[in-house]
Amino acid sequence: MIFAMSRSLILSTLVLVIVAFCVGILHFGYAASPRDLFEWTSKIALFISCTIVLLSIRPILRVLHWITFAKYWWFPWLDGEWRAEIRSNWPKVQRLYLAAKREAPSFDALATGLTQADELVTKATVTIESSLFDISIEITPDGTKKVSRTRFVRPRWAKPDRPELSYVYEQLDNTSLEPTDVRQHYGAGIVEFIARTGELSGHYWTNRKAEAALSTAGTIVMRRVPRPGFFARFLV
């Protein structure tokens, strides 16, 4: 999650922490000269290391995120279970595929716009987990044995733009496959966090059966599953 901040802000924060620590040492008389201060180098390094280790513990990071109102200046806390609605252009790709095989009427994808009949809507369960240095997303479509896990996630918040996640994922399918499908494929996506509705919304695309020009793309909307209990809802 720390990578949601700009590099300059991360470096500035680190320098500020070190300077504040050194000023405290001098102010309270633990060091009388620069030489004495230099001897504190190992202790300063240990302090920074312990701080990073503590913040790597998710509950501690979550509490710090909450008490510092970090969702307003750092990045929203997205951990938890979400329900996704995924819309794919596969039916339109399939019409092109069948028309090319002369198993369906000719079809001009450029002249014919994407309609609801040309979309495949899939419901899925999404689990998001955050740590100081990492964010992971797992998507499991309903009624299938498919599972998508992220290989890379990059948070970004460049105001006044909305907070966003860019990600690359791998999907595995352990069921019997159609000739137009593959057991493993990769994809990528970008979703924005809409604070007004609490949704993650954006686009995705895949290399699914790319060698046969059957790659798919579409949109994804994720809505958080409410947590039971007042305190749990308060922490969102």
Protein backbone atom coordinates (compact mmCIF):
# COMPACT_ATOMS: atom_id res chain seq x y z
CA MET A 1 0.00 0.00 0.00
CA ILE A 2 2.92 2.31 0.59
CA PHE A 3 3.44 2.56 -3.17
CA ALA A 4 0.24 4.58 -3.43
CA MET A 5 2.37 7.47 -2.22
CA SER A 6 4.77 9.25 -4.55
CA ARG A 7 8.45 8.40 -4.23
CA SER A 8 9.27 11.95 -3.20
CA LEU A 9 6.69 11.79 -0.39
CA ILE A 10 8.07 8.46 0.84
CA LEU A 11 11.63 9.82 0.90
CA SER A 12 10.50 13.05 2.55
CA THR A 13 8.65 11.11 5.25
CA LEU A 14 11.66 8.88 5.90
CA VAL A 15 13.99 11.88 6.16
CA LEU A 16 11.54 13.65 8.47
CA VAL A 17 11.39 10.62 10.79
CA ILE A 18 15.20 10.39 10.94
CA VAL A 19 15.60 14.12 11.56
CA ALA A 20 12.92 14.11 14.27
CA PHE A 21 14.64 11.17 15.97
CA CYS A 22 18.00 12.95 15.88
CA VAL A 23 16.51 16.19 17.23
CA GLY A 24 14.92 14.26 20.08
CA ILE A 25 18.23 12.63 20.95
CA LEU A 26 19.99 16.03 21.04
CA HIS A 27 17.17 17.77 22.87
CA PHE A 28 16.99 15.25 25.71
CA GLY A 29 20.77 15.15 26.14
CA TYR A 30 21.44 11.64 24.87
CA ALA A 31 24.09 13.05 22.51
CA ALA A 32 26.31 16.07 23.17
CA SER A 33 28.13 16.20 19.83
CA PRO A 34 27.88 15.00 16.23
CA ARG A 35 30.28 12.19 17.19
CA ASP A 36 27.88 11.00 19.87
CA LEU A 37 25.03 11.29 17.40
CA PHE A 38 26.92 9.17 14.88
CA GLU A 39 27.20 6.44 17.50
CA TRP A 40 23.40 6.34 17.54
CA THR A 41 23.34 5.27 13.88
CA SER A 42 22.78 1.60 14.64
CA LYS A 43 20.01 2.47 17.11
CA ILE A 44 18.32 4.70 14.56
CA ALA A 45 18.51 1.91 11.98
CA LEU A 46 17.07 -0.53 14.53
CA PHE A 47 14.23 1.89 15.30
CA ILE A 48 13.34 2.23 11.62
CA SER A 49 13.55 -1.54 11.10
CA CYS A 50 11.28 -2.23 14.09
CA THR A 51 8.79 0.36 12.85
CA ILE A 52 8.65 -1.30 9.42
CA VAL A 53 8.23 -4.74 11.01
CA LEU A 54 5.36 -3.50 13.20
CA LEU A 55 3.64 -1.83 10.25
CA SER A 56 3.98 -5.08 8.30
CA ILE A 57 1.52 -6.64 10.78
CA ARG A 58 -1.87 -6.05 9.16
CA PRO A 59 -3.92 -5.30 12.33
CA ILE A 60 -1.36 -2.71 13.46
CA LEU A 61 -1.28 -1.12 10.01
CA ARG A 62 -5.09 -1.10 9.97
CA VAL A 63 -5.32 0.71 13.31
CA LEU A 64 -2.69 3.26 12.25
CA HIS A 65 -4.53 3.75 8.96
CA TRP A 66 -7.75 4.42 10.88
CA ILE A 67 -6.48 6.74 13.61
CA THR A 68 -4.52 8.88 11.14
CA PHE A 69 -7.51 9.23 8.75
CA ALA A 70 -5.24 7.83 6.03
CA LYS A 71 -8.18 7.09 3.73
CA TYR A 72 -8.30 10.85 3.05
CA TRP A 73 -4.62 11.52 2.38
CA TRP A 74 -2.96 8.14 1.72
CA PHE A 75 -5.22 5.49 0.20
CA PRO A 76 -8.61 3.92 1.05
CA TRP A 77 -8.60 0.68 3.05
CA LEU A 78 -10.00 -1.88 0.62
CA ASP A 79 -9.53 -5.11 2.59
CA GLY A 80 -12.43 -7.51 2.83
CA GLU A 81 -14.94 -9.36 0.70
CA TRP A 82 -16.54 -7.81 -2.37
CA ARG A 83 -19.15 -8.93 -4.87
CA ALA A 84 -18.24 -8.34 -8.50
CA GLU A 85 -20.27 -7.98 -11.67
CA ILE A 86 -18.07 -8.71 -14.68
CA ARG A 87 -19.25 -7.90 -18.19
CA SER A 88 -17.34 -9.52 -21.05
CA ASN A 89 -17.47 -8.97 -24.81
CA TRP A 90 -17.08 -12.74 -25.37
CA PRO A 91 -20.54 -13.20 -27.03
CA LYS A 92 -19.51 -10.69 -29.70
CA VAL A 93 -16.14 -12.39 -30.16
CA GLN A 94 -17.96 -15.71 -30.42
CA ARG A 95 -20.27 -14.36 -33.15
CA LEU A 96 -17.21 -13.36 -35.15
CA TYR A 97 -15.67 -16.79 -34.56
CA LEU A 98 -18.78 -18.67 -35.67
CA ALA A 99 -19.26 -16.41 -38.69
CA ALA A 100 -15.67 -17.07 -39.75
CA LYS A 101 -16.37 -20.82 -39.56
CA ARG A 102 -19.56 -20.27 -41.61
CA GLU A 103 -21.61 -21.64 -38.73
CA ALA A 104 -23.50 -18.36 -38.30
CA PRO A 105 -24.55 -15.38 -40.46
CA SER A 106 -21.85 -12.88 -41.40
CA PHE A 107 -21.22 -10.31 -38.71
CA ASP A 108 -19.57 -6.87 -38.91
CA ALA A 109 -18.24 -6.02 -35.48
CA LEU A 110 -17.33 -2.46 -36.52
CA ALA A 111 -20.75 -1.61 -37.87
CA THR A 112 -22.64 -3.30 -35.03
CA GLY A 113 -22.32 -1.72 -31.61
CA LEU A 114 -21.98 -3.66 -28.38
CA THR A 115 -25.44 -4.34 -26.97
CA GLN A 116 -26.66 -6.12 -23.85
CA ALA A 117 -27.15 -9.22 -25.98
CA ASP A 118 -23.45 -9.12 -26.84
CA GLU A 119 -22.33 -9.09 -23.20
CA LEU A 120 -21.66 -11.96 -20.87
CA VAL A 121 -22.40 -11.01 -17.25
CA THR A 122 -20.60 -13.02 -14.57
CA LYS A 123 -21.01 -12.69 -10.80
CA ALA A 124 -17.97 -13.35 -8.63
CA THR A 125 -16.62 -13.17 -5.10
CA VAL A 126 -13.57 -10.94 -4.61
CA THR A 127 -11.18 -10.95 -1.67
CA ILE A 128 -8.74 -8.05 -1.19
CA GLU A 129 -5.90 -8.09 1.33
CA SER A 130 -3.50 -5.21 2.00
CA SER A 131 -0.17 -4.88 3.76
CA LEU A 132 2.43 -2.15 3.97
CA PHE A 133 4.19 -3.29 0.79
CA ASP A 134 1.61 -5.39 -1.02
CA ILE A 135 -2.03 -5.69 -2.10
CA SER A 136 -3.50 -8.97 -3.36
CA ILE A 137 -6.79 -9.63 -5.14
CA GLU A 138 -8.46 -13.01 -5.64
CA ILE A 139 -11.56 -13.42 -7.83
CA THR A 140 -13.70 -16.57 -7.88
CA PRO A 141 -16.58 -16.61 -10.42
CA ASP A 142 -19.82 -18.08 -9.09
CA GLY A 143 -20.58 -21.71 -9.94
CA THR A 144 -17.13 -22.45 -11.36
CA LYS A 145 -13.75 -23.80 -10.31
CA LYS A 146 -11.99 -20.86 -11.93
CA VAL A 147 -9.85 -18.62 -9.76
CA SER A 148 -7.95 -15.45 -10.61
CA ARG A 149 -5.05 -14.26 -8.45
CA THR A 150 -3.08 -11.10 -8.94
CA ARG A 151 0.62 -11.29 -9.76
CA PHE A 152 1.10 -7.54 -9.42
CA VAL A 153 -0.99 -4.71 -7.93
CA ARG A 154 -0.06 -1.04 -7.94
CA PRO A 155 -2.15 1.49 -5.99
CA ARG A 156 -2.11 5.09 -7.16
CA TRP A 157 -3.76 8.29 -6.01
CA ALA A 158 -2.79 11.44 -7.86
CA LYS A 159 -5.35 14.01 -6.73
CA PRO A 160 -7.74 15.29 -8.00
CA ASP A 161 -8.07 11.90 -9.74
CA ARG A 162 -9.76 9.04 -7.91
CA PRO A 163 -7.75 6.35 -6.11
CA GLU A 164 -7.04 3.50 -8.51
CA LEU A 165 -5.58 0.01 -8.64
CA SER A 166 -3.67 -1.30 -11.64
CA TYR A 167 -3.15 -5.05 -11.63
CA VAL A 168 -1.97 -8.08 -13.58
CA TYR A 169 -3.54 -11.44 -12.81
CA GLU A 170 -3.39 -15.11 -13.67
CA GLN A 171 -6.53 -17.23 -14.07
CA LEU A 172 -6.62 -21.01 -13.78
CA ASP A 173 -9.52 -23.22 -14.87
CA ASN A 174 -9.46 -26.84 -13.71
CA THR A 175 -12.72 -27.83 -15.41
CA SER A 176 -13.27 -29.27 -18.90
CA LEU A 177 -12.63 -26.63 -21.54
CA GLU A 178 -14.28 -25.53 -24.74
CA PRO A 179 -12.11 -25.46 -27.90
CA THR A 180 -12.18 -21.66 -27.69
CA ASP A 181 -10.81 -21.57 -24.13
CA VAL A 182 -7.49 -22.22 -22.38
CA ARG A 183 -6.66 -23.65 -18.97
CA GLN A 184 -4.43 -20.75 -18.00
CA HIS A 185 -4.34 -17.17 -19.16
CA TYR A 186 -3.18 -13.75 -18.01
CA GLY A 187 -4.98 -10.46 -17.89
CA ALA A 188 -4.77 -6.93 -16.57
CA GLY A 189 -7.13 -4.28 -15.33
CA ILE A 190 -7.54 -0.80 -13.90
CA VAL A 191 -10.25 0.02 -11.36
CA GLU A 192 -11.09 3.29 -9.64
CA PHE A 193 -12.47 3.66 -6.13
CA ILE A 194 -15.64 5.77 -6.19
CA ALA A 195 -16.00 7.18 -2.69
CA ARG A 196 -19.60 8.32 -3.23
CA THR A 197 -20.84 4.79 -3.88
CA GLY A 198 -18.03 2.80 -2.23
CA GLU A 199 -17.52 0.84 -5.46
CA LEU A 200 -14.46 -0.24 -7.41
CA SER A 201 -15.19 0.18 -11.10
CA GLY A 202 -13.09 -0.14 -14.23
CA HIS A 203 -11.95 -2.19 -17.20
CA TYR A 204 -10.01 -5.40 -17.81
CA TRP A 205 -8.56 -7.28 -20.78
CA THR A 206 -6.99 -10.70 -21.30
CA ASN A 207 -4.68 -12.67 -23.58
CA ARG A 208 -7.14 -15.58 -23.54
CA LYS A 209 -6.60 -17.66 -26.70
CA ALA A 210 -4.71 -14.71 -28.15
CA GLU A 211 -3.05 -16.80 -30.87
CA ALA A 212 -6.54 -17.37 -32.32
CA ALA A 213 -7.54 -13.70 -31.93
CA LEU A 214 -10.14 -14.66 -29.31
CA SER A 215 -8.89 -12.37 -26.53
CA THR A 216 -11.59 -10.84 -24.36
CA ALA A 217 -12.15 -7.55 -22.57
CA GLY A 218 -14.86 -5.92 -20.54
CA THR A 219 -15.83 -4.02 -17.41
CA ILE A 220 -15.85 -4.94 -13.75
CA VAL A 221 -17.74 -3.38 -10.85
CA MET A 222 -17.07 -4.49 -7.26
CA ARG A 223 -19.29 -3.69 -4.28
CA ARG A 224 -18.12 -4.33 -0.72
CA VAL A 225 -19.97 -6.97 1.29
CA PRO A 226 -21.13 -5.29 4.54
CA ARG A 227 -19.44 -6.61 7.66
CA PRO A 228 -21.53 -7.54 10.70
CA GLY A 229 -21.27 -5.41 13.81
CA PHE A 230 -21.06 -1.68 14.38
CA PHE A 231 -17.31 -1.53 15.01
CA ALA A 232 -16.48 -3.51 11.86
CA ARG A 233 -18.55 -1.15 9.74
CA PHE A 234 -16.99 1.84 11.47
CA LEU A 235 -13.49 0.72 10.44
CA VAL A 236 -14.32 0.59 6.71
